[in-house]
C-alpha atoms as a PDB file:
ATOM      1  CA  UNK A   1      40.070 -19.164  -5.815  1.00  0.00           C
ATOM      2  CA  UNK A   2      35.951 -19.206  -4.790  1.00  0.00           C
ATOM      3  CA  UNK A   3      34.116 -21.258  -6.488  1.00  0.00           C
ATOM      4  CA  UNK A   4      30.725 -20.299  -7.808  1.00  0.00           C
ATOM      5  CA  UNK A   5      27.769 -20.841  -5.507  1.00  0.00           C
ATOM      6  CA  UNK A   6      24.284 -20.652  -7.260  1.00  0.00           C
ATOM      7  CA  UNK A   7      22.497 -18.359  -9.503  1.00  0.00           C
ATOM      8  CA  UNK A   8      23.276 -15.210  -8.343  1.00  0.00           C
ATOM      9  CA  UNK A   9      20.047 -13.371  -7.435  1.00  0.00           C
ATOM     10  CA  UNK A  10      18.454 -10.056  -8.847  1.00  0.00           C
ATOM     11  CA  UNK A  11      16.900  -8.060  -6.822  1.00  0.00           C
ATOM     12  CA  UNK A  12      14.550  -5.173  -8.410  1.00  0.00           C
ATOM     13  CA  UNK A  13      14.425  -1.953  -6.939  1.00  0.00           C
ATOM     14  CA  UNK A  14      10.150  -0.721  -7.999  1.00  0.00           C
ATOM     15  CA  UNK A  15      11.470   2.709  -6.703  1.00  0.00           C
ATOM     16  CA  UNK A  16      10.754   5.284  -9.641  1.00  0.00           C
ATOM     17  CA  UNK A  17       7.616   3.434 -10.988  1.00  0.00           C
ATOM     18  CA  UNK A  18       6.486   5.743  -7.468  1.00  0.00           C
ATOM     19  CA  UNK A  19       8.486   8.086  -8.730  1.00  0.00           C
ATOM     20  CA  UNK A  20       6.963   9.153 -11.908  1.00  0.00           C
ATOM     21  CA  UNK A  21       3.367   7.985 -10.442  1.00  0.00           C
ATOM     22  CA  UNK A  22       3.805  10.739  -7.864  1.00  0.00           C
ATOM     23  CA  UNK A  23       5.031  13.287 -10.373  1.00  0.00           C
ATOM     24  CA  UNK A  24       2.015  13.699 -11.199  1.00  0.00           C
ATOM     25  CA  UNK A  25      -0.440  12.306  -7.839  1.00  0.00           C
ATOM     26  CA  UNK A  26      -3.194   9.733  -8.315  1.00  0.00           C
ATOM     27  CA  UNK A  27      -2.693   5.553  -8.155  1.00  0.00           C
ATOM     28  CA  UNK A  28      -1.045   5.053 -11.945  1.00  0.00           C
ATOM     29  CA  UNK A  29       1.691   3.965 -12.652  1.00  0.00           C
ATOM     30  CA  UNK A  30       0.967   1.433  -9.563  1.00  0.00           C
ATOM     31  CA  UNK A  31       4.595  -0.291  -7.668  1.00  0.00           C
ATOM     32  CA  UNK A  32       3.244  -3.004  -6.436  1.00  0.00           C
ATOM     33  CA  UNK A  33       1.485  -4.155 -10.165  1.00  0.00           C
ATOM     34  CA  UNK A  34       5.368  -3.694 -11.422  1.00  0.00           C
ATOM     35  CA  UNK A  35       6.563  -5.554  -8.606  1.00  0.00           C
ATOM     36  CA  UNK A  36       4.255  -8.420  -9.601  1.00  0.00           C
ATOM     37  CA  UNK A  37       5.595  -7.871 -13.504  1.00  0.00           C
ATOM     38  CA  UNK A  38       9.020  -8.454 -12.290  1.00  0.00           C
ATOM     39  CA  UNK A  39       8.046 -11.925 -10.177  1.00  0.00           C
ATOM     40  CA  UNK A  40       7.023 -13.101 -13.036  1.00  0.00           C
ATOM     41  CA  UNK A  41       9.938 -12.058 -15.189  1.00  0.00           C
ATOM     42  CA  UNK A  42      12.459 -13.810 -12.979  1.00  0.00           C
ATOM     43  CA  UNK A  43      13.517 -11.582 -10.059  1.00  0.00           C
ATOM     44  CA  UNK A  44      14.192 -12.892  -6.760  1.00  0.00           C
ATOM     45  CA  UNK A  45      13.343 -10.191  -5.127  1.00  0.00           C
ATOM     46  CA  UNK A  46      12.003  -6.775  -4.588  1.00  0.00           C
ATOM     47  CA  UNK A  47      13.959  -3.939  -3.023  1.00  0.00           C
ATOM     48  CA  UNK A  48      11.872  -0.910  -1.750  1.00  0.00           C
ATOM     49  CA  UNK A  49      13.280   2.524  -0.697  1.00  0.00           C
ATOM     50  CA  UNK A  50      11.072   4.176   2.020  1.00  0.00           C
ATOM     51  CA  UNK A  51      12.583   8.103   2.221  1.00  0.00           C
ATOM     52  CA  UNK A  52      11.759   9.671   5.466  1.00  0.00           C
ATOM     53  CA  UNK A  53      10.517  12.657   2.965  1.00  0.00           C
ATOM     54  CA  UNK A  54       8.181  10.104   1.343  1.00  0.00           C
ATOM     55  CA  UNK A  55       9.263  11.752  -2.324  1.00  0.00           C
ATOM     56  CA  UNK A  56       8.425   8.020  -3.762  1.00  0.00           C
ATOM     57  CA  UNK A  57       7.462   4.748  -2.088  1.00  0.00           C
ATOM     58  CA  UNK A  58       4.604   5.521   0.397  1.00  0.00           C
ATOM     59  CA  UNK A  59       3.867   3.874   3.858  1.00  0.00           C
ATOM     60  CA  UNK A  60       0.509   2.622   2.056  1.00  0.00           C
ATOM     61  CA  UNK A  61       3.459   0.722  -0.839  1.00  0.00           C
ATOM     62  CA  UNK A  62       5.122  -1.068   1.653  1.00  0.00           C
ATOM     63  CA  UNK A  63       1.964  -2.159   3.109  1.00  0.00           C
ATOM     64  CA  UNK A  64       0.971  -3.619   0.177  1.00  0.00           C
ATOM     65  CA  UNK A  65       4.152  -5.314  -0.752  1.00  0.00           C
ATOM     66  CA  UNK A  66       4.236  -6.856   2.418  1.00  0.00           C
ATOM     67  CA  UNK A  67       1.106  -8.172   1.896  1.00  0.00           C
ATOM     68  CA  UNK A  68       1.035  -9.598  -1.618  1.00  0.00           C
ATOM     69  CA  UNK A  69       5.088 -10.286  -2.799  1.00  0.00           C
ATOM     70  CA  UNK A  70       5.826 -13.978  -3.720  1.00  0.00           C
ATOM     71  CA  UNK A  71       9.569 -13.067  -3.630  1.00  0.00           C
ATOM     72  CA  UNK A  72      11.586 -11.611  -0.072  1.00  0.00           C
ATOM     73  CA  UNK A  73      11.555  -7.432   0.240  1.00  0.00           C
ATOM     74  CA  UNK A  74      14.125  -5.797   0.890  1.00  0.00           C
ATOM     75  CA  UNK A  75      13.377  -2.853   2.974  1.00  0.00           C
ATOM     76  CA  UNK A  76      15.776  -0.040   2.418  1.00  0.00           C
ATOM     77  CA  UNK A  77      15.792   2.691   5.017  1.00  0.00           C
ATOM     78  CA  UNK A  78      17.882   5.064   6.811  1.00  0.00           C
ATOM     79  CA  UNK A  79      18.840   4.651   9.916  1.00  0.00           C
ATOM     80  CA  UNK A  80      16.329   5.964  11.911  1.00  0.00           C
ATOM     81  CA  UNK A  81      13.612   5.117  14.851  1.00  0.00           C
ATOM     82  CA  UNK A  82      10.436   6.041  12.715  1.00  0.00           C
ATOM     83  CA  UNK A  83      12.127   3.598   9.586  1.00  0.00           C
ATOM     84  CA  UNK A  84      13.065   1.266  12.362  1.00  0.00           C
ATOM     85  CA  UNK A  85       9.208   0.951  13.619  1.00  0.00           C
ATOM     86  CA  UNK A  86       8.165   0.277  10.468  1.00  0.00           C
ATOM     87  CA  UNK A  87      10.462  -2.395   9.629  1.00  0.00           C
ATOM     88  CA  UNK A  88       9.493  -4.472  13.129  1.00  0.00           C
ATOM     89  CA  UNK A  89       5.832  -3.682  11.850  1.00  0.00           C
ATOM     90  CA  UNK A  90       6.360  -5.800   8.441  1.00  0.00           C
ATOM     91  CA  UNK A  91       9.042  -7.829   9.247  1.00  0.00           C
ATOM     92  CA  UNK A  92      10.547  -7.516   6.016  1.00  0.00           C
ATOM     93  CA  UNK A  93      13.163 -10.504   4.902  1.00  0.00           C
ATOM     94  CA  UNK A  94      15.397  -8.091   4.361  1.00  0.00           C
ATOM     95  CA  UNK A  95      16.629  -4.321   5.847  1.00  0.00           C
ATOM     96  CA  UNK A  96      19.599  -2.792   4.055  1.00  0.00           C
ATOM     97  CA  UNK A  97      20.870   0.470   6.007  1.00  0.00           C
ATOM     98  CA  UNK A  98      21.819   3.000   3.356  1.00  0.00           C
ATOM     99  CA  UNK A  99      22.415   6.774   4.049  1.00  0.00           C
ATOM    100  CA  UNK A 100      20.131   9.639   3.329  1.00  0.00           C
ATOM    101  CA  UNK A 101      20.078  12.967   2.456  1.00  0.00           C
ATOM    102  CA  UNK A 102      16.589  15.597   2.167  1.00  0.00           C
ATOM    103  CA  UNK A 103      18.887  17.825  -0.942  1.00  0.00           C
ATOM    104  CA  UNK A 104      19.990  14.297  -2.672  1.00  0.00           C
ATOM    105  CA  UNK A 105      18.254  13.333  -6.178  1.00  0.00           C
ATOM    106  CA  UNK A 106      19.449   9.266  -5.335  1.00  0.00           C
ATOM    107  CA  UNK A 107      21.659   7.693  -2.627  1.00  0.00           C
ATOM    108  CA  UNK A 108      24.898   9.191  -3.382  1.00  0.00           C
ATOM    109  CA  UNK A 109      27.683   6.960  -1.220  1.00  0.00           C
ATOM    110  CA  UNK A 110      27.735   4.084   1.211  1.00  0.00           C
ATOM    111  CA  UNK A 111      26.927   4.347   4.960  1.00  0.00           C
ATOM    112  CA  UNK A 112      29.663   5.759   7.136  1.00  0.00           C
ATOM    113  CA  UNK A 113      29.723   2.758   9.308  1.00  0.00           C
ATOM    114  CA  UNK A 114      32.695   2.985  11.018  1.00  0.00           C
ATOM    115  CA  UNK A 115      32.616   6.541  12.709  1.00  0.00           C
ATOM    116  CA  UNK A 116      29.002   5.473  13.935  1.00  0.00           C
ATOM    117  CA  UNK A 117      29.268   1.822  15.124  1.00  0.00           C
ATOM    118  CA  UNK A 118      28.196   2.061  18.829  1.00  0.00           C
ATOM    119  CA  UNK A 119      24.872   3.589  17.413  1.00  0.00           C
ATOM    120  CA  UNK A 120      24.508   1.096  14.438  1.00  0.00           C
ATOM    121  CA  UNK A 121      25.152  -2.305  16.615  1.00  0.00           C
ATOM    122  CA  UNK A 122      22.042  -1.322  18.766  1.00  0.00           C
ATOM    123  CA  UNK A 123      19.957   0.282  15.570  1.00  0.00           C
ATOM    124  CA  UNK A 124      19.824  -3.264  13.773  1.00  0.00           C
ATOM    125  CA  UNK A 125      19.824  -5.520  17.335  1.00  0.00           C
ATOM    126  CA  UNK A 126      15.785  -5.748  17.327  1.00  0.00           C
ATOM    127  CA  UNK A 127      15.958  -5.813  13.673  1.00  0.00           C
ATOM    128  CA  UNK A 128      18.371  -9.193  13.250  1.00  0.00           C
ATOM    129  CA  UNK A 129      15.581 -10.323  16.696  1.00  0.00           C
ATOM    130  CA  UNK A 130      13.104  -9.550  14.893  1.00  0.00           C
ATOM    131  CA  UNK A 131      13.927 -12.066  11.695  1.00  0.00           C
ATOM    132  CA  UNK A 132      14.971  -9.863   9.423  1.00  0.00           C
ATOM    133  CA  UNK A 133      18.276  -9.906   7.809  1.00  0.00           C
ATOM    134  CA  UNK A 134      20.368  -7.313   7.834  1.00  0.00           C
ATOM    135  CA  UNK A 135      22.445  -5.094   5.214  1.00  0.00           C
ATOM    136  CA  UNK A 136      24.933  -2.610   5.002  1.00  0.00           C
ATOM    137  CA  UNK A 137      25.110  -0.476   2.143  1.00  0.00           C
ATOM    138  CA  UNK A 138      28.809   0.350   1.945  1.00  0.00           C
ATOM    139  CA  UNK A 139      31.379   1.938  -0.159  1.00  0.00           C
ATOM    140  CA  UNK A 140      34.308  -0.932  -1.446  1.00  0.00           C
ATOM    141  CA  UNK A 141      36.047   0.016   1.258  1.00  0.00           C
ATOM    142  CA  UNK A 142      37.867  -2.164   4.268  1.00  0.00           C
ATOM    143  CA  UNK A 143      37.213  -0.263   6.873  1.00  0.00           C
ATOM    144  CA  UNK A 144      34.042  -0.239   6.439  1.00  0.00           C
ATOM    145  CA  UNK A 145      33.693  -3.654   5.548  1.00  0.00           C
ATOM    146  CA  UNK A 146      35.537  -4.382   9.064  1.00  0.00           C
ATOM    147  CA  UNK A 147      32.854  -2.362  10.699  1.00  0.00           C
ATOM    148  CA  UNK A 148      30.002  -3.626   9.128  1.00  0.00           C
ATOM    149  CA  UNK A 149      31.293  -7.492  10.322  1.00  0.00           C
ATOM    150  CA  UNK A 150      31.838  -5.912  13.692  1.00  0.00           C
ATOM    151  CA  UNK A 151      28.390  -4.412  14.407  1.00  0.00           C
ATOM    152  CA  UNK A 152      26.518  -7.892  13.503  1.00  0.00           C
ATOM    153  CA  UNK A 153      25.565  -7.730   9.414  1.00  0.00           C
ATOM    154  CA  UNK A 154      24.610 -10.605   7.906  1.00  0.00           C
ATOM    155  CA  UNK A 155      25.108  -9.065   4.241  1.00  0.00           C
ATOM    156  CA  UNK A 156      26.975  -5.876   2.784  1.00  0.00           C
ATOM    157  CA  UNK A 157      26.025  -4.589  -0.206  1.00  0.00           C
ATOM    158  CA  UNK A 158      28.936  -2.425  -1.989  1.00  0.00           C
ATOM    159  CA  UNK A 159      28.201   0.139  -4.305  1.00  0.00           C
ATOM    160  CA  UNK A 160      28.955   0.144  -7.718  1.00  0.00           C
ATOM    161  CA  UNK A 161      28.150   3.935  -8.158  1.00  0.00           C
ATOM    162  CA  UNK A 162      31.561   5.155  -8.989  1.00  0.00           C
ATOM    163  CA  UNK A 163      32.683   2.454 -11.272  1.00  0.00           C
ATOM    164  CA  UNK A 164      28.990   2.878 -13.565  1.00  0.00           C
ATOM    165  CA  UNK A 165      29.881   6.604 -13.446  1.00  0.00           C
ATOM    166  CA  UNK A 166      33.506   6.345 -14.312  1.00  0.00           C
ATOM    167  CA  UNK A 167      32.666   3.513 -17.318  1.00  0.00           C
ATOM    168  CA  UNK A 168      29.701   6.409 -18.678  1.00  0.00           C
ATOM    169  CA  UNK A 169      32.111   8.611 -18.393  1.00  0.00           C
ATOM    170  CA  UNK A 170      34.440   7.177 -20.548  1.00  0.00           C
ATOM    171  CA  UNK A 171      37.206   7.280 -18.194  1.00  0.00           C
ATOM    172  CA  UNK A 172      38.227   4.078 -17.994  1.00  0.00           C
ATOM    173  CA  UNK A 173      41.150   3.715 -16.010  1.00  0.00           C
ATOM    174  CA  UNK A 174      39.325   5.134 -13.322  1.00  0.00           C
ATOM    175  CA  UNK A 175      36.515   2.220 -13.808  1.00  0.00           C
ATOM    176  CA  UNK A 176      38.706  -0.613 -14.063  1.00  0.00           C
ATOM    177  CA  UNK A 177      40.486   0.611 -10.878  1.00  0.00           C
ATOM    178  CA  UNK A 178      36.718   1.069  -9.286  1.00  0.00           C
ATOM    179  CA  UNK A 179      35.993  -2.076 -10.443  1.00  0.00           C
ATOM    180  CA  UNK A 180      39.280  -4.331  -9.409  1.00  0.00           C
ATOM    181  CA  UNK A 181      38.586  -2.415  -5.563  1.00  0.00           C
ATOM    182  CA  UNK A 182      35.170  -4.088  -5.910  1.00  0.00           C
ATOM    183  CA  UNK A 183      36.273  -7.203  -6.842  1.00  0.00           C
ATOM    184  CA  UNK A 184      38.900  -7.387  -3.875  1.00  0.00           C
ATOM    185  CA  UNK A 185      36.436  -5.950  -1.248  1.00  0.00           C
ATOM    186  CA  UNK A 186      34.261  -8.607  -2.749  1.00  0.00           C
ATOM    187  CA  UNK A 187      36.818 -10.743  -1.733  1.00  0.00           C
ATOM    188  CA  UNK A 188      37.544  -9.370   1.535  1.00  0.00           C
ATOM    189  CA  UNK A 189      33.864  -9.514   2.821  1.00  0.00           C
ATOM    190  CA  UNK A 190      33.299 -12.702   1.677  1.00  0.00           C
ATOM    191  CA  UNK A 191      36.622 -14.000   4.019  1.00  0.00           C
ATOM    192  CA  UNK A 192      34.791 -12.547   7.007  1.00  0.00           C
ATOM    193  CA  UNK A 193      31.758 -14.494   6.579  1.00  0.00           C
ATOM    194  CA  UNK A 194      29.552 -11.558   5.110  1.00  0.00           C
ATOM    195  CA  UNK A 195      27.213 -12.435   2.188  1.00  0.00           C
ATOM    196  CA  UNK A 196      28.440 -10.112  -0.256  1.00  0.00           C
ATOM    197  CA  UNK A 197      25.509  -7.714  -2.237  1.00  0.00           C
ATOM    198  CA  UNK A 198      26.210  -4.790  -4.985  1.00  0.00           C
ATOM    199  CA  UNK A 199      23.870  -2.327  -6.377  1.00  0.00           C
ATOM    200  CA  UNK A 200      23.442   1.005  -7.941  1.00  0.00           C
ATOM    201  CA  UNK A 201      23.541   2.476 -11.473  1.00  0.00           C
ATOM    202  CA  UNK A 202      23.870  -0.985 -12.775  1.00  0.00           C
ATOM    203  CA  UNK A 203      23.682  -0.776 -17.013  1.00  0.00           C
ATOM    204  CA  UNK A 204      23.212  -3.586 -19.239  1.00  0.00           C
ATOM    205  CA  UNK A 205      26.679  -2.524 -20.448  1.00  0.00           C
ATOM    206  CA  UNK A 206      28.427  -2.626 -16.504  1.00  0.00           C
ATOM    207  CA  UNK A 207      26.544  -5.740 -15.162  1.00  0.00           C
ATOM    208  CA  UNK A 208      28.548  -8.350 -16.100  1.00  0.00           C
ATOM    209  CA  UNK A 209      32.025  -7.906 -14.618  1.00  0.00           C
ATOM    210  CA  UNK A 210      30.375  -7.337 -11.220  1.00  0.00           C
ATOM    211  CA  UNK A 211      27.949 -10.279 -12.058  1.00  0.00           C
ATOM    212  CA  UNK A 212      31.378 -12.180 -12.297  1.00  0.00           C
ATOM    213  CA  UNK A 213      32.477 -12.122  -9.010  1.00  0.00           C
ATOM    214  CA  UNK A 214      32.434 -15.763  -7.379  1.00  0.00           C
ATOM    215  CA  UNK A 215      31.575 -14.218  -4.365  1.00  0.00           C
ATOM    216  CA  UNK A 216      28.233 -11.642  -5.434  1.00  0.00           C
ATOM    217  CA  UNK A 217      25.715 -13.005  -4.032  1.00  0.00           C
ATOM    218  CA  UNK A 218      22.762 -10.456  -4.954  1.00  0.00           C
ATOM    219  CA  UNK A 219      22.601  -7.424  -7.419  1.00  0.00           C
ATOM    220  CA  UNK A 220      20.152  -4.906  -6.595  1.00  0.00           C
ATOM    221  CA  UNK A 221      18.961  -2.808  -9.399  1.00  0.00           C
ATOM    222  CA  UNK A 222      16.338  -0.739 -10.451  1.00  0.00           C
ATOM    223  CA  UNK A 223      16.068   2.824 -12.036  1.00  0.00           C
ATOM    224  CA  UNK A 224      18.141   1.704 -15.339  1.00  0.00           C
ATOM    225  CA  UNK A 225      15.719  -1.363 -15.497  1.00  0.00           C
ATOM    226  CA  UNK A 226      12.987   1.197 -15.199  1.00  0.00           C
ATOM    227  CA  UNK A 227      14.004   3.603 -17.804  1.00  0.00           C
ATOM    228  CA  UNK A 228      14.276   1.330 -20.253  1.00  0.00           C
ATOM    229  CA  UNK A 229      10.788  -0.012 -18.917  1.00  0.00           C
ATOM    230  CA  UNK A 230       9.696   2.775 -21.114  1.00  0.00           C
ATOM    231  CA  UNK A 231      10.654   1.883 -24.232  1.00  0.00           C
ATOM    232  CA  UNK A 232      10.801  -1.984 -24.479  1.00  0.00           C
ATOM    233  CA  UNK A 233       8.208  -2.592 -20.842  1.00  0.00           C
ATOM    234  CA  UNK A 234       9.777  -3.928 -17.397  1.00  0.00           C
ATOM    235  CA  UNK A 235       9.324  -7.541 -18.413  1.00  0.00           C
ATOM    236  CA  UNK A 236      11.776  -7.653 -21.183  1.00  0.00           C
ATOM    237  CA  UNK A 237      13.690  -4.977 -19.471  1.00  0.00           C
ATOM    238  CA  UNK A 238      14.279  -7.356 -16.620  1.00  0.00           C
ATOM    239  CA  UNK A 239      14.571 -10.913 -18.689  1.00  0.00           C
ATOM    240  CA  UNK A 240      17.399  -9.429 -20.414  1.00  0.00           C
ATOM    241  CA  UNK A 241      19.647  -8.531 -17.487  1.00  0.00           C
ATOM    242  CA  UNK A 242      18.693 -11.417 -16.059  1.00  0.00           C
ATOM    243  CA  UNK A 243      19.951 -13.747 -19.137  1.00  0.00           C
ATOM    244  CA  UNK A 244      23.124 -10.980 -19.276  1.00  0.00           C
ATOM    245  CA  UNK A 245      23.671 -11.679 -15.240  1.00  0.00           C
ATOM    246  CA  UNK A 246      23.138 -15.607 -15.908  1.00  0.00           C
ATOM    247  CA  UNK A 247      25.801 -15.352 -18.707  1.00  0.00           C
ATOM    248  CA  UNK A 248      28.378 -13.954 -16.612  1.00  0.00           C
ATOM    249  CA  UNK A 249      28.215 -16.442 -14.613  1.00  0.00           C
ATOM    250  CA  UNK A 250      28.038 -19.891 -16.929  1.00  0.00           C
END
């Protein structure tokens, strides 16, 4: 059995602080301020997704985050030339390649790597050469994990949305099946030498079973923490999530 290795990292996604700002326009709430609160609350990194349509995070946000963070920046992006050039300009610690559709509200599934291996391998090569740690956001599917490994990604981030949706909808047999799939694919990815992350839809109610996977290195959580912050504040929402993750690894 794989032993736990170190502290499970928490990456806080601040996209939806920018969503609230952009709903009215202006400068508040400021995503950089949220990121600094997250740092103080004990997060291990900040995630920000610069979408092609700039619906939440802006280019100026990325510039400010790159210049002011004291924890690593995980830059989520589609596999487009524009985003590649932005990533190469700022050279964040990590780059996570995600699927992106203009009509979706949030990222709805994992990236299709197996059918686009050649393009993606060439796409991520300059990012790797620039020193960025390349992650691929994918479903917990052996075929996609193998493809991510072949193209040279260092990390896979497993999409936990189906697991979280099944829990929220009371489909507990489906939830348990999805959790088992995530567990098996975490172990499989680890066996290939990939670093294993997970994220999407995780809440206080769903985080601990995933956090307990011995191969899991990092969880990226955003929308729930920003929503919970409306009621308890961002510092408190992050600290509680941090504690639940630590308890799961104890």
